[in-house]
Amino acid sequence: MFNPADIQKGMTARDRDGENLGLIVSVDEMGFFIEKGSYFPRDHRVAFSDVSDIDRDDVYLREDLASLPGVRPDVLEARGEAARHAVLHHDATGALGVIPGDLDR
């Protein structure tokens, strides 16, 4: 188990497989931001609940790269992967939901 207070600006964020996602550029009471860069088109917010562990200067997230929302699609294409997170859409009533088959892409 980790203590959210141990997450600091300048630490390296990694996906569950150890892929370097970038540096943590700010931390607040809700979570932290990973810097804009190769994987994210803008600084990317991460909730503390999305963290699985901390090892020295590395913060490990629960998901792998393809499962993280906000990852640039061109990066996943170049790696031969497809996004594995559900994309939510508004239906005619305004409710949010997953389009049937959306997770099968």
PDB file of N, CA and C in Angstrom:
ATOM      1  N   MET A   1       0.847  -1.178   0.000  1.00  0.00           N
ATOM      2  CA  MET A   1       0.000   0.000   0.000  1.00  0.00           C
ATOM      3  C   MET A   1       0.893   1.242   0.000  1.00  0.00           C
ATOM      4  N   PHE A   2       0.420   2.284  -0.642  1.00  0.00           N
ATOM      5  CA  PHE A   2       1.205   3.503  -0.724  1.00  0.00           C
ATOM      6  C   PHE A   2       0.475   4.631  -0.009  1.00  0.00           C
ATOM      7  N   ASN A   3       1.219   5.656   0.303  1.00  0.00           N
ATOM      8  CA  ASN A   3       0.655   6.844   0.927  1.00  0.00           C
ATOM      9  C   ASN A   3       0.617   7.948  -0.141  1.00  0.00           C
ATOM     10  N   PRO A   4      -0.577   8.476  -0.488  1.00  0.00           N
ATOM     11  CA  PRO A   4      -0.650   9.527  -1.503  1.00  0.00           C
ATOM     12  C   PRO A   4       0.249  10.724  -1.203  1.00  0.00           C
ATOM     13  N   ALA A   5       0.520  10.987   0.058  1.00  0.00           N
ATOM     14  CA  ALA A   5       1.391  12.114   0.426  1.00  0.00           C
ATOM     15  C   ALA A   5       2.824  11.901  -0.050  1.00  0.00           C
ATOM     16  N   ASP A   6       3.189  10.658  -0.390  1.00  0.00           N
ATOM     17  CA  ASP A   6       4.535  10.359  -0.873  1.00  0.00           C
ATOM     18  C   ASP A   6       4.719  10.697  -2.353  1.00  0.00           C
ATOM     19  N   ILE A   7       3.635  10.976  -3.070  1.00  0.00           N
ATOM     20  CA  ILE A   7       3.722  11.321  -4.488  1.00  0.00           C
ATOM     21  C   ILE A   7       4.088  12.797  -4.597  1.00  0.00           C
ATOM     22  N   GLN A   8       5.195  13.068  -5.275  1.00  0.00           N
ATOM     23  CA  GLN A   8       5.735  14.418  -5.348  1.00  0.00           C
ATOM     24  C   GLN A   8       6.003  14.835  -6.794  1.00  0.00           C
ATOM     25  N   LYS A   9       6.000  16.133  -7.028  1.00  0.00           N
ATOM     26  CA  LYS A   9       6.383  16.698  -8.309  1.00  0.00           C
ATOM     27  C   LYS A   9       7.796  16.218  -8.654  1.00  0.00           C
ATOM     28  N   GLY A  10       8.010  15.852  -9.919  1.00  0.00           N
ATOM     29  CA  GLY A  10       9.322  15.397 -10.366  1.00  0.00           C
ATOM     30  C   GLY A  10       9.484  13.885 -10.389  1.00  0.00           C
ATOM     31  N   MET A  11       8.546  13.152  -9.780  1.00  0.00           N
ATOM     32  CA  MET A  11       8.601  11.692  -9.833  1.00  0.00           C
ATOM     33  C   MET A  11       8.209  11.232 -11.238  1.00  0.00           C
ATOM     34  N   THR A  12       8.578  10.016 -11.598  1.00  0.00           N
ATOM     35  CA  THR A  12       8.242   9.448 -12.898  1.00  0.00           C
ATOM     36  C   THR A  12       6.980   8.615 -12.779  1.00  0.00           C
ATOM     37  N   ALA A  13       6.005   8.884 -13.652  1.00  0.00           N
ATOM     38  CA  ALA A  13       4.787   8.072 -13.711  1.00  0.00           C
ATOM     39  C   ALA A  13       5.016   6.937 -14.696  1.00  0.00           C
ATOM     40  N   ARG A  14       4.618   5.738 -14.324  1.00  0.00           N
ATOM     41  CA  ARG A  14       4.782   4.558 -15.173  1.00  0.00           C
ATOM     42  C   ARG A  14       3.469   3.796 -15.241  1.00  0.00           C
ATOM     43  N   ASP A  15       3.234   3.128 -16.372  1.00  0.00           N
ATOM     44  CA  ASP A  15       2.045   2.287 -16.448  1.00  0.00           C
ATOM     45  C   ASP A  15       2.327   0.991 -15.684  1.00  0.00           C
ATOM     46  N   ARG A  16       1.368   0.080 -15.657  1.00  0.00           N
ATOM     47  CA  ARG A  16       1.550  -1.142 -14.852  1.00  0.00           C
ATOM     48  C   ARG A  16       2.686  -2.024 -15.351  1.00  0.00           C
ATOM     49  N   ASP A  17       3.073  -1.837 -16.633  1.00  0.00           N
ATOM     50  CA  ASP A  17       4.161  -2.634 -17.208  1.00  0.00           C
ATOM     51  C   ASP A  17       5.514  -1.949 -17.090  1.00  0.00           C
ATOM     52  N   GLY A  18       5.551  -0.767 -16.461  1.00  0.00           N
ATOM     53  CA  GLY A  18       6.812  -0.060 -16.267  1.00  0.00           C
ATOM     54  C   GLY A  18       7.144   0.961 -17.334  1.00  0.00           C
ATOM     55  N   GLU A  19       6.259   1.135 -18.331  1.00  0.00           N
ATOM     56  CA  GLU A  19       6.479   2.118 -19.392  1.00  0.00           C
ATOM     57  C   GLU A  19       6.519   3.525 -18.796  1.00  0.00           C
ATOM     58  N   ASN A  20       7.550   4.296 -19.131  1.00  0.00           N
ATOM     59  CA  ASN A  20       7.703   5.659 -18.630  1.00  0.00           C
ATOM     60  C   ASN A  20       6.697   6.557 -19.341  1.00  0.00           C
ATOM     61  N   LEU A  21       5.724   7.089 -18.589  1.00  0.00           N
ATOM     62  CA  LEU A  21       4.681   7.944 -19.149  1.00  0.00           C
ATOM     63  C   LEU A  21       5.038   9.415 -19.090  1.00  0.00           C
ATOM     64  N   GLY A  22       5.993   9.779 -18.265  1.00  0.00           N
ATOM     65  CA  GLY A  22       6.405  11.167 -18.120  1.00  0.00           C
ATOM     66  C   GLY A  22       6.542  11.558 -16.663  1.00  0.00           C
ATOM     67  N   LEU A  23       6.933  12.794 -16.457  1.00  0.00           N
ATOM     68  CA  LEU A  23       7.133  13.304 -15.103  1.00  0.00           C
ATOM     69  C   LEU A  23       5.837  13.846 -14.519  1.00  0.00           C
ATOM     70  N   ILE A  24       5.729  13.752 -13.220  1.00  0.00           N
ATOM     71  CA  ILE A  24       4.620  14.369 -12.507  1.00  0.00           C
ATOM     72  C   ILE A  24       4.947  15.847 -12.367  1.00  0.00           C
ATOM     73  N   VAL A  25       4.053  16.703 -12.880  1.00  0.00           N
ATOM     74  CA  VAL A  25       4.329  18.143 -12.892  1.00  0.00           C
ATOM     75  C   VAL A  25       3.601  18.898 -11.788  1.00  0.00           C
ATOM     76  N   SER A  26       2.571  18.297 -11.202  1.00  0.00           N
ATOM     77  CA  SER A  26       1.901  18.926 -10.060  1.00  0.00           C
ATOM     78  C   SER A  26       1.076  17.890  -9.320  1.00  0.00           C
ATOM     79  N   VAL A  27       0.866  18.171  -8.033  1.00  0.00           N
ATOM     80  CA  VAL A  27       0.108  17.278  -7.156  1.00  0.00           C
ATOM     81  C   VAL A  27      -0.862  18.146  -6.371  1.00  0.00           C
ATOM     82  N   ASP A  28      -2.099  17.673  -6.230  1.00  0.00           N
ATOM     83  CA  ASP A  28      -3.068  18.363  -5.380  1.00  0.00           C
ATOM     84  C   ASP A  28      -3.819  17.330  -4.537  1.00  0.00           C
ATOM     85  N   GLU A  29      -4.865  17.759  -3.857  1.00  0.00           N
ATOM     86  CA  GLU A  29      -5.566  16.851  -2.943  1.00  0.00           C
ATOM     87  C   GLU A  29      -6.343  15.751  -3.665  1.00  0.00           C
ATOM     88  N   MET A  30      -6.591  15.898  -4.970  1.00  0.00           N
ATOM     89  CA  MET A  30      -7.357  14.914  -5.736  1.00  0.00           C
ATOM     90  C   MET A  30      -6.479  13.926  -6.508  1.00  0.00           C
ATOM     91  N   GLY A  31      -5.233  14.288  -6.756  1.00  0.00           N
ATOM     92  CA  GLY A  31      -4.358  13.438  -7.549  1.00  0.00           C
ATOM     93  C   GLY A  31      -3.180  14.235  -8.070  1.00  0.00           C
ATOM     94  N   PHE A  32      -2.779  13.934  -9.312  1.00  0.00           N
ATOM     95  CA  PHE A  32      -1.613  14.600  -9.881  1.00  0.00           C
ATOM     96  C   PHE A  32      -1.740  14.682 -11.392  1.00  0.00           C
ATOM     97  N   PHE A  33      -0.834  15.449 -12.008  1.00  0.00           N
ATOM     98  CA  PHE A  33      -0.790  15.589 -13.457  1.00  0.00           C
ATOM     99  C   PHE A  33       0.518  15.038 -13.987  1.00  0.00           C
ATOM    100  N   ILE A  34       0.412  14.247 -15.080  1.00  0.00           N
ATOM    101  CA  ILE A  34       1.579  13.783 -15.830  1.00  0.00           C
ATOM    102  C   ILE A  34       1.789  14.791 -16.954  1.00  0.00           C
ATOM    103  N   GLU A  35       3.043  15.158 -17.194  1.00  0.00           N
ATOM    104  CA  GLU A  35       3.355  16.170 -18.186  1.00  0.00           C
ATOM    105  C   GLU A  35       2.880  15.819 -19.593  1.00  0.00           C
ATOM    106  N   LYS A  36       2.540  16.850 -20.337  1.00  0.00           N
ATOM    107  CA  LYS A  36       2.259  16.727 -21.762  1.00  0.00           C
ATOM    108  C   LYS A  36       3.525  16.192 -22.418  1.00  0.00           C
ATOM    109  N   GLY A  37       3.377  15.284 -23.374  1.00  0.00           N
ATOM    110  CA  GLY A  37       4.561  14.751 -24.022  1.00  0.00           C
ATOM    111  C   GLY A  37       4.229  13.710 -25.062  1.00  0.00           C
ATOM    112  N   SER A  38       5.033  12.676 -25.131  1.00  0.00           N
ATOM    113  CA  SER A  38       4.899  11.643 -26.151  1.00  0.00           C
ATOM    114  C   SER A  38       3.555  10.930 -26.105  1.00  0.00           C
ATOM    115  N   TYR A  39       3.014  10.723 -24.906  1.00  0.00           N
ATOM    116  CA  TYR A  39       1.802   9.938 -24.775  1.00  0.00           C
ATOM    117  C   TYR A  39       0.533  10.769 -24.623  1.00  0.00           C
ATOM    118  N   PHE A  40       0.649  11.937 -24.025  1.00  0.00           N
ATOM    119  CA  PHE A  40      -0.525  12.755 -23.741  1.00  0.00           C
ATOM    120  C   PHE A  40      -0.425  14.098 -24.453  1.00  0.00           C
ATOM    121  N   PRO A  41      -1.503  14.527 -25.149  1.00  0.00           N
ATOM    122  CA  PRO A  41      -1.468  15.794 -25.875  1.00  0.00           C
ATOM    123  C   PRO A  41      -1.510  17.023 -24.965  1.00  0.00           C
ATOM    124  N   ARG A  42      -1.861  16.826 -23.698  1.00  0.00           N
ATOM    125  CA  ARG A  42      -1.853  17.902 -22.695  1.00  0.00           C
ATOM    126  C   ARG A  42      -1.571  17.248 -21.348  1.00  0.00           C
ATOM    127  N   ASP A  43      -1.247  18.051 -20.351  1.00  0.00           N
ATOM    128  CA  ASP A  43      -1.027  17.479 -19.019  1.00  0.00           C
ATOM    129  C   ASP A  43      -2.224  16.604 -18.664  1.00  0.00           C
ATOM    130  N   HIS A  44      -1.943  15.418 -18.138  1.00  0.00           N
ATOM    131  CA  HIS A  44      -2.971  14.401 -17.923  1.00  0.00           C
ATOM    132  C   HIS A  44      -3.219  14.175 -16.432  1.00  0.00           C
ATOM    133  N   ARG A  45      -4.466  14.378 -15.993  1.00  0.00           N
ATOM    134  CA  ARG A  45      -4.824  14.186 -14.584  1.00  0.00           C
ATOM    135  C   ARG A  45      -4.961  12.697 -14.254  1.00  0.00           C
ATOM    136  N   VAL A  46      -4.428  12.324 -13.106  1.00  0.00           N
ATOM    137  CA  VAL A  46      -4.527  10.958 -12.598  1.00  0.00           C
ATOM    138  C   VAL A  46      -5.003  11.035 -11.150  1.00  0.00           C
ATOM    139  N   ALA A  47      -5.999  10.251 -10.813  1.00  0.00           N
ATOM    140  CA  ALA A  47      -6.493  10.188  -9.437  1.00  0.00           C
ATOM    141  C   ALA A  47      -5.601   9.259  -8.620  1.00  0.00           C
ATOM    142  N   PHE A  48      -5.505   9.528  -7.337  1.00  0.00           N
ATOM    143  CA  PHE A  48      -4.711   8.650  -6.466  1.00  0.00           C
ATOM    144  C   PHE A  48      -5.228   7.215  -6.514  1.00  0.00           C
ATOM    145  N   SER A  49      -6.520   7.031  -6.743  1.00  0.00           N
ATOM    146  CA  SER A  49      -7.097   5.685  -6.796  1.00  0.00           C
ATOM    147  C   SER A  49      -6.605   4.885  -8.004  1.00  0.00           C
ATOM    148  N   ASP A  50      -6.010   5.559  -9.001  1.00  0.00           N
ATOM    149  CA  ASP A  50      -5.469   4.889 -10.184  1.00  0.00           C
ATOM    150  C   ASP A  50      -4.028   4.418  -9.988  1.00  0.00           C
ATOM    151  N   VAL A  51      -3.465   4.670  -8.818  1.00  0.00           N
ATOM    152  CA  VAL A  51      -2.080   4.293  -8.518  1.00  0.00           C
ATOM    153  C   VAL A  51      -2.072   2.932  -7.816  1.00  0.00           C
ATOM    154  N   SER A  52      -1.172   2.064  -8.250  1.00  0.00           N
ATOM    155  CA  SER A  52      -1.050   0.762  -7.595  1.00  0.00           C
ATOM    156  C   SER A  52       0.091   0.718  -6.593  1.00  0.00           C
ATOM    157  N   ASP A  53       1.184   1.469  -6.863  1.00  0.00           N
ATOM    158  CA  ASP A  53       2.335   1.392  -5.969  1.00  0.00           C
ATOM    159  C   ASP A  53       3.308   2.540  -6.254  1.00  0.00           C
ATOM    160  N   ILE A  54       4.193   2.760  -5.307  1.00  0.00           N
ATOM    161  CA  ILE A  54       5.296   3.709  -5.454  1.00  0.00           C
ATOM    162  C   ILE A  54       6.575   2.951  -5.140  1.00  0.00           C
ATOM    163  N   ASP A  55       7.588   3.140  -5.983  1.00  0.00           N
ATOM    164  CA  ASP A  55       8.892   2.525  -5.756  1.00  0.00           C
ATOM    165  C   ASP A  55       9.949   3.606  -5.943  1.00  0.00           C
ATOM    166  N   ARG A  56      10.470   4.110  -4.849  1.00  0.00           N
ATOM    167  CA  ARG A  56      11.424   5.221  -4.846  1.00  0.00           C
ATOM    168  C   ARG A  56      10.857   6.428  -5.580  1.00  0.00           C
ATOM    169  N   ASP A  57      11.381   6.745  -6.780  1.00  0.00           N
ATOM    170  CA  ASP A  57      10.937   7.911  -7.544  1.00  0.00           C
ATOM    171  C   ASP A  57       9.949   7.555  -8.649  1.00  0.00           C
ATOM    172  N   ASP A  58       9.417   6.345  -8.626  1.00  0.00           N
ATOM    173  CA  ASP A  58       8.487   5.893  -9.657  1.00  0.00           C
ATOM    174  C   ASP A  58       7.105   5.655  -9.065  1.00  0.00           C
ATOM    175  N   VAL A  59       6.080   6.151  -9.775  1.00  0.00           N
ATOM    176  CA  VAL A  59       4.692   5.940  -9.392  1.00  0.00           C
ATOM    177  C   VAL A  59       4.079   5.019 -10.440  1.00  0.00           C
ATOM    178  N   TYR A  60       3.588   3.856 -10.035  1.00  0.00           N
ATOM    179  CA  TYR A  60       3.025   2.869 -10.952  1.00  0.00           C
ATOM    180  C   TYR A  60       1.504   2.942 -10.956  1.00  0.00           C
ATOM    181  N   LEU A  61       0.944   3.044 -12.166  1.00  0.00           N
ATOM    182  CA  LEU A  61      -0.507   3.075 -12.311  1.00  0.00           C
ATOM    183  C   LEU A  61      -1.059   1.661 -12.442  1.00  0.00           C
ATOM    184  N   ARG A  62      -2.349   1.513 -12.208  1.00  0.00           N
ATOM    185  CA  ARG A  62      -3.008   0.196 -12.262  1.00  0.00           C
ATOM    186  C   ARG A  62      -3.178  -0.332 -13.690  1.00  0.00           C
ATOM    187  N   GLU A  63      -3.228   0.559 -14.677  1.00  0.00           N
ATOM    188  CA  GLU A  63      -3.527   0.173 -16.056  1.00  0.00           C
ATOM    189  C   GLU A  63      -2.283   0.181 -16.934  1.00  0.00           C
ATOM    190  N   ASP A  64      -2.369  -0.573 -18.055  1.00  0.00           N
ATOM    191  CA  ASP A  64      -1.306  -0.496 -19.049  1.00  0.00           C
ATOM    192  C   ASP A  64      -1.584   0.689 -19.977  1.00  0.00           C
ATOM    193  N   LEU A  65      -0.650   1.024 -20.824  1.00  0.00           N
ATOM    194  CA  LEU A  65      -0.730   2.209 -21.673  1.00  0.00           C
ATOM    195  C   LEU A  65      -2.011   2.242 -22.497  1.00  0.00           C
ATOM    196  N   ALA A  66      -2.357   1.137 -23.149  1.00  0.00           N
ATOM    197  CA  ALA A  66      -3.524   1.114 -24.032  1.00  0.00           C
ATOM    198  C   ALA A  66      -4.842   1.261 -23.270  1.00  0.00           C
ATOM    199  N   SER A  67      -4.833   1.025 -21.981  1.00  0.00           N
ATOM    200  CA  SER A  67      -6.050   1.136 -21.181  1.00  0.00           C
ATOM    201  C   SER A  67      -6.229   2.514 -20.556  1.00  0.00           C
ATOM    202  N   LEU A  68      -5.224   3.357 -20.663  1.00  0.00           N
ATOM    203  CA  LEU A  68      -5.302   4.690 -20.070  1.00  0.00           C
ATOM    204  C   LEU A  68      -6.081   5.630 -20.980  1.00  0.00           C
ATOM    205  N   PRO A  69      -7.059   6.337 -20.439  1.00  0.00           N
ATOM    206  CA  PRO A  69      -7.753   7.328 -21.254  1.00  0.00           C
ATOM    207  C   PRO A  69      -6.819   8.507 -21.539  1.00  0.00           C
ATOM    208  N   GLY A  70      -6.990   9.120 -22.685  1.00  0.00           N
ATOM    209  CA  GLY A  70      -6.215  10.313 -23.003  1.00  0.00           C
ATOM    210  C   GLY A  70      -4.918  10.068 -23.745  1.00  0.00           C
ATOM    211  N   VAL A  71      -4.524   8.802 -23.929  1.00  0.00           N
ATOM    212  CA  VAL A  71      -3.289   8.514 -24.665  1.00  0.00           C
ATOM    213  C   VAL A  71      -3.517   8.830 -26.140  1.00  0.00           C
ATOM    214  N   ARG A  72      -2.548   9.491 -26.748  1.00  0.00           N
ATOM    215  CA  ARG A  72      -2.667   9.866 -28.158  1.00  0.00           C
ATOM    216  C   ARG A  72      -2.866   8.621 -29.020  1.00  0.00           C
ATOM    217  N   PRO A  73      -3.912   8.595 -29.864  1.00  0.00           N
ATOM    218  CA  PRO A  73      -4.193   7.424 -30.710  1.00  0.00           C
ATOM    219  C   PRO A  73      -3.049   7.073 -31.652  1.00  0.00           C
ATOM    220  N   ASP A  74      -2.316   8.083 -32.155  1.00  0.00           N
ATOM    221  CA  ASP A  74      -1.219   7.807 -33.075  1.00  0.00           C
ATOM    222  C   ASP A  74      -0.102   7.019 -32.394  1.00  0.00           C
ATOM    223  N   VAL A  75       0.065   7.220 -31.091  1.00  0.00           N
ATOM    224  CA  VAL A  75       1.081   6.480 -30.342  1.00  0.00           C
ATOM    225  C   VAL A  75       0.696   5.005 -30.285  1.00  0.00           C
ATOM    226  N   LEU A  76      -0.575   4.736 -29.988  1.00  0.00           N
ATOM    227  CA  LEU A  76      -1.035   3.345 -29.917  1.00  0.00           C
ATOM    228  C   LEU A  76      -0.980   2.685 -31.288  1.00  0.00           C
ATOM    229  N   GLU A  77      -1.353   3.415 -32.334  1.00  0.00           N
ATOM    230  CA  GLU A  77      -1.277   2.868 -33.690  1.00  0.00           C
ATOM    231  C   GLU A  77       0.150   2.486 -34.045  1.00  0.00           C
ATOM    232  N   ALA A  78       1.098   3.345 -33.732  1.00  0.00           N
ATOM    233  CA  ALA A  78       2.503   3.083 -34.036  1.00  0.00           C
ATOM    234  C   ALA A  78       3.010   1.843 -33.300  1.00  0.00           C
ATOM    235  N   ARG A  79       2.429   1.569 -32.157  1.00  0.00           N
ATOM    236  CA  ARG A  79       2.816   0.391 -31.376  1.00  0.00           C
ATOM    237  C   ARG A  79       2.023  -0.840 -31.775  1.00  0.00           C
ATOM    238  N   GLY A  80       1.081  -0.681 -32.701  1.00  0.00           N
ATOM    239  CA  GLY A  80       0.244  -1.799 -33.127  1.00  0.00           C
ATOM    240  C   GLY A  80      -0.806  -2.162 -32.097  1.00  0.00           C
ATOM    241  N   GLU A  81      -1.217  -1.189 -31.290  1.00  0.00           N
ATOM    242  CA  GLU A  81      -2.215  -1.428 -30.251  1.00  0.00           C
ATOM    243  C   GLU A  81      -3.436  -0.569 -30.516  1.00  0.00           C
ATOM    244  N   ALA A  82      -4.514  -0.949 -29.908  1.00  0.00           N
ATOM    245  CA  ALA A  82      -5.735  -0.144 -29.956  1.00  0.00           C
ATOM    246  C   ALA A  82      -6.104   0.210 -28.528  1.00  0.00           C
ATOM    247  N   ALA A  83      -6.749   1.338 -28.363  1.00  0.00           N
ATOM    248  CA  ALA A  83      -7.201   1.740 -27.027  1.00  0.00           C
ATOM    249  C   ALA A  83      -8.148   0.676 -26.484  1.00  0.00           C
ATOM    250  N   ARG A  84      -7.972   0.321 -25.210  1.00  0.00           N
ATOM    251  CA  ARG A  84      -8.812  -0.708 -24.598  1.00  0.00           C
ATOM    252  C   ARG A  84      -9.746  -0.140 -23.547  1.00  0.00           C
ATOM    253  N   HIS A  85      -9.888   1.165 -23.514  1.00  0.00           N
ATOM    254  CA  HIS A  85     -10.823   1.737 -22.559  1.00  0.00           C
ATOM    255  C   HIS A  85     -12.122   2.067 -23.288  1.00  0.00           C
ATOM    256  N   ALA A  86     -13.207   2.046 -22.555  1.00  0.00           N
ATOM    257  CA  ALA A  86     -14.510   2.346 -23.135  1.00  0.00           C
ATOM    258  C   ALA A  86     -14.635   3.839 -23.384  1.00  0.00           C
ATOM    259  N   VAL A  87     -15.166   4.169 -24.531  1.00  0.00           N
ATOM    260  CA  VAL A  87     -15.456   5.554 -24.841  1.00  0.00           C
ATOM    261  C   VAL A  87     -16.932   5.766 -24.558  1.00  0.00           C
ATOM    262  N   LEU A  88     -17.237   6.734 -23.710  1.00  0.00           N
ATOM    263  CA  LEU A  88     -18.625   6.997 -23.367  1.00  0.00           C
ATOM    264  C   LEU A  88     -19.242   7.972 -24.355  1.00  0.00           C
ATOM    265  N   HIS A  89     -20.502   7.735 -24.670  1.00  0.00           N
ATOM    266  CA  HIS A  89     -21.240   8.582 -25.592  1.00  0.00           C
ATOM    267  C   HIS A  89     -22.577   8.945 -24.974  1.00  0.00           C
ATOM    268  N   HIS A  90     -23.102  10.109 -25.336  1.00  0.00           N
ATOM    269  CA  HIS A  90     -24.437  10.504 -24.892  1.00  0.00           C
ATOM    270  C   HIS A  90     -25.457   9.886 -25.832  1.00  0.00           C
ATOM    271  N   ASP A  91     -26.515   9.265 -25.267  1.00  0.00           N
ATOM    272  CA  ASP A  91     -27.590   8.760 -26.114  1.00  0.00           C
ATOM    273  C   ASP A  91     -28.637   9.854 -26.319  1.00  0.00           C
ATOM    274  N   ALA A  92     -29.732   9.524 -26.949  1.00  0.00           N
ATOM    275  CA  ALA A  92     -30.764  10.508 -27.281  1.00  0.00           C
ATOM    276  C   ALA A  92     -31.366  11.173 -26.042  1.00  0.00           C
ATOM    277  N   THR A  93     -31.317  10.499 -24.908  1.00  0.00           N
ATOM    278  CA  THR A  93     -31.876  11.076 -23.684  1.00  0.00           C
ATOM    279  C   THR A  93     -30.860  11.930 -22.941  1.00  0.00           C
ATOM    280  N   GLY A  94     -29.611  11.898 -23.379  1.00  0.00           N
ATOM    281  CA  GLY A  94     -28.558  12.648 -22.711  1.00  0.00           C
ATOM    282  C   GLY A  94     -27.771  11.819 -21.720  1.00  0.00           C
ATOM    283  N   ALA A  95     -28.181  10.558 -21.537  1.00  0.00           N
ATOM    284  CA  ALA A  95     -27.476   9.669 -20.602  1.00  0.00           C
ATOM    285  C   ALA A  95     -26.155   9.197 -21.219  1.00  0.00           C
ATOM    286  N   LEU A  96     -25.186   8.936 -20.362  1.00  0.00           N
ATOM    287  CA  LEU A  96     -23.898   8.405 -20.833  1.00  0.00           C
ATOM    288  C   LEU A  96     -23.956   6.888 -20.869  1.00  0.00           C
ATOM    289  N   GLY A  97     -23.311   6.322 -21.874  1.00  0.00           N
ATOM    290  CA  GLY A  97     -23.240   4.871 -21.960  1.00  0.00           C
ATOM    291  C   GLY A  97     -22.184   4.458 -22.959  1.00  0.00           C
ATOM    292  N   VAL A  98     -21.874   3.165 -22.968  1.00  0.00           N
ATOM    293  CA  VAL A  98     -20.929   2.594 -23.912  1.00  0.00           C
ATOM    294  C   VAL A  98     -21.717   2.067 -25.094  1.00  0.00           C
ATOM    295  N   ILE A  99     -21.275   2.373 -26.291  1.00  0.00           N
ATOM    296  CA  ILE A  99     -21.927   1.848 -27.471  1.00  0.00           C
ATOM    297  C   ILE A  99     -21.663   0.342 -27.517  1.00  0.00           C
ATOM    298  N   PRO A 100     -22.713  -0.494 -27.728  1.00  0.00           N
ATOM    299  CA  PRO A 100     -22.502  -1.940 -27.791  1.00  0.00           C
ATOM    300  C   PRO A 100     -21.415  -2.291 -28.791  1.00  0.00           C
ATOM    301  N   GLY A 101     -20.493  -3.143 -28.380  1.00  0.00           N
ATOM    302  CA  GLY A 101     -19.390  -3.550 -29.249  1.00  0.00           C
ATOM    303  C   GLY A 101     -18.201  -2.603 -29.176  1.00  0.00           C
ATOM    304  N   ASP A 102     -18.317  -1.475 -28.469  1.00  0.00           N
ATOM    305  CA  ASP A 102     -17.242  -0.496 -28.421  1.00  0.00           C
ATOM    306  C   ASP A 102     -15.981  -1.064 -27.780  1.00  0.00           C
ATOM    307  N   LEU A 103     -16.149  -1.968 -26.827  1.00  0.00           N
ATOM    308  CA  LEU A 103     -14.981  -2.556 -26.161  1.00  0.00           C
ATOM    309  C   LEU A 103     -14.352  -3.664 -26.990  1.00  0.00           C
ATOM    310  N   ASP A 104     -15.021  -4.090 -28.059  1.00  0.00           N
ATOM    311  CA  ASP A 104     -14.511  -5.178 -28.881  1.00  0.00           C
ATOM    312  C   ASP A 104     -13.556  -4.698 -29.958  1.00  0.00           C
ATOM    313  N   ARG A 105     -13.359  -3.360 -30.062  1.00  0.00           N
ATOM    314  CA  ARG A 105     -12.482  -2.836 -31.106  1.00  0.00           C
ATOM    315  C   ARG A 105     -11.067  -3.256 -30.885  1.00  0.00           C
TER     316      ARG A 105
END
